[in-house]
Amino acid sequence: MKTFKLFSLDVLEDDQSVVVPLVDGLVLNKEDDQSTWLLEAYTDLELYDYFNAIFKEQ
């Protein structure tokens, strides 16, 4: 497994980009047979409702 520092995060919605201010974050290359990656982003709690709304749309 390889890890990388996540320096910035933008969420793309339709034709707009929402910049997400990060406290900290990592990108993990799991190097498994499915070539999966994992993003771990730490943000302020004020963004909870924003990400919860995105989650509920799924």
C-alpha atoms as a PDB file:
ATOM      1  CA  MET A   1       0.000   0.000   0.000  1.00  0.00           C
ATOM      2  CA  LYS A   2       1.237   3.484  -0.860  1.00  0.00           C
ATOM      3  CA  THR A   3       0.086   6.707   0.810  1.00  0.00           C
ATOM      4  CA  PHE A   4       0.132  10.274  -0.444  1.00  0.00           C
ATOM      5  CA  LYS A   5      -0.716  13.613   1.189  1.00  0.00           C
ATOM      6  CA  LEU A   6      -4.041  15.100   0.030  1.00  0.00           C
ATOM      7  CA  PHE A   7      -3.383  18.813  -0.517  1.00  0.00           C
ATOM      8  CA  SER A   8      -6.701  19.923  -1.996  1.00  0.00           C
ATOM      9  CA  LEU A   9     -10.168  18.593  -2.705  1.00  0.00           C
ATOM     10  CA  ASP A  10     -12.768  19.853  -5.155  1.00  0.00           C
ATOM     11  CA  VAL A  11     -16.225  18.291  -5.493  1.00  0.00           C
ATOM     12  CA  LEU A  12     -17.624  18.464  -9.016  1.00  0.00           C
ATOM     13  CA  GLU A  13     -21.359  19.089  -9.226  1.00  0.00           C
ATOM     14  CA  ASP A  14     -22.745  19.296 -12.749  1.00  0.00           C
ATOM     15  CA  ASP A  15     -20.592  22.013 -14.330  1.00  0.00           C
ATOM     16  CA  GLN A  16     -19.447  23.629 -11.071  1.00  0.00           C
ATOM     17  CA  SER A  17     -16.563  22.901  -8.731  1.00  0.00           C
ATOM     18  CA  VAL A  18     -16.906  23.273  -4.947  1.00  0.00           C
ATOM     19  CA  VAL A  19     -13.596  23.792  -3.134  1.00  0.00           C
ATOM     20  CA  VAL A  20     -13.483  21.843   0.127  1.00  0.00           C
ATOM     21  CA  PRO A  21     -11.113  23.358   2.717  1.00  0.00           C
ATOM     22  CA  LEU A  22      -9.060  20.547   4.254  1.00  0.00           C
ATOM     23  CA  VAL A  23      -7.750  20.165   7.784  1.00  0.00           C
ATOM     24  CA  ASP A  24      -5.760  17.102   6.652  1.00  0.00           C
ATOM     25  CA  GLY A  25      -6.042  14.242   4.219  1.00  0.00           C
ATOM     26  CA  LEU A  26      -4.509  11.146   2.646  1.00  0.00           C
ATOM     27  CA  VAL A  27      -4.766   9.267  -0.626  1.00  0.00           C
ATOM     28  CA  LEU A  28      -4.210   5.517  -0.277  1.00  0.00           C
ATOM     29  CA  ASN A  29      -3.296   3.298  -3.214  1.00  0.00           C
ATOM     30  CA  LYS A  30      -4.433  -0.070  -1.892  1.00  0.00           C
ATOM     31  CA  GLU A  31      -2.519  -1.930  -4.628  1.00  0.00           C
ATOM     32  CA  ASP A  32      -5.056  -4.745  -4.595  1.00  0.00           C
ATOM     33  CA  ASP A  33      -6.302  -6.854  -7.501  1.00  0.00           C
ATOM     34  CA  GLN A  34      -9.052  -4.281  -8.215  1.00  0.00           C
ATOM     35  CA  SER A  35      -6.633  -1.302  -8.283  1.00  0.00           C
ATOM     36  CA  THR A  36      -8.716   0.619  -5.729  1.00  0.00           C
ATOM     37  CA  TRP A  37      -7.842   3.952  -4.153  1.00  0.00           C
ATOM     38  CA  LEU A  38      -9.156   5.457  -0.926  1.00  0.00           C
ATOM     39  CA  LEU A  39      -9.433   9.187  -0.190  1.00  0.00           C
ATOM     40  CA  GLU A  40      -9.449  10.224   3.452  1.00  0.00           C
ATOM     41  CA  ALA A  41     -10.291  13.893   3.935  1.00  0.00           C
ATOM     42  CA  TYR A  42     -10.613  15.732   7.254  1.00  0.00           C
ATOM     43  CA  THR A  43     -12.729  18.884   7.073  1.00  0.00           C
ATOM     44  CA  ASP A  44     -14.445  21.266   9.462  1.00  0.00           C
ATOM     45  CA  LEU A  45     -17.661  20.017  11.035  1.00  0.00           C
ATOM     46  CA  GLU A  46     -19.542  22.850   9.295  1.00  0.00           C
ATOM     47  CA  LEU A  47     -19.389  20.776   6.065  1.00  0.00           C
ATOM     48  CA  TYR A  48     -21.253  17.824   7.618  1.00  0.00           C
ATOM     49  CA  ASP A  49     -24.645  18.840   6.188  1.00  0.00           C
ATOM     50  CA  TYR A  50     -23.145  19.395   2.717  1.00  0.00           C
ATOM     51  CA  PHE A  51     -21.591  15.919   2.545  1.00  0.00           C
ATOM     52  CA  ASN A  52     -24.587  14.283   4.213  1.00  0.00           C
ATOM     53  CA  ALA A  53     -26.858  15.717   1.487  1.00  0.00           C
ATOM     54  CA  ILE A  54     -24.543  14.318  -1.199  1.00  0.00           C
ATOM     55  CA  PHE A  55     -24.563  10.933   0.537  1.00  0.00           C
ATOM     56  CA  LYS A  56     -28.380  10.845   0.663  1.00  0.00           C
ATOM     57  CA  GLU A  57     -28.587  11.525  -3.095  1.00  0.00           C
ATOM     58  CA  GLN A  58     -26.787   8.249  -3.785  1.00  0.00           C
END
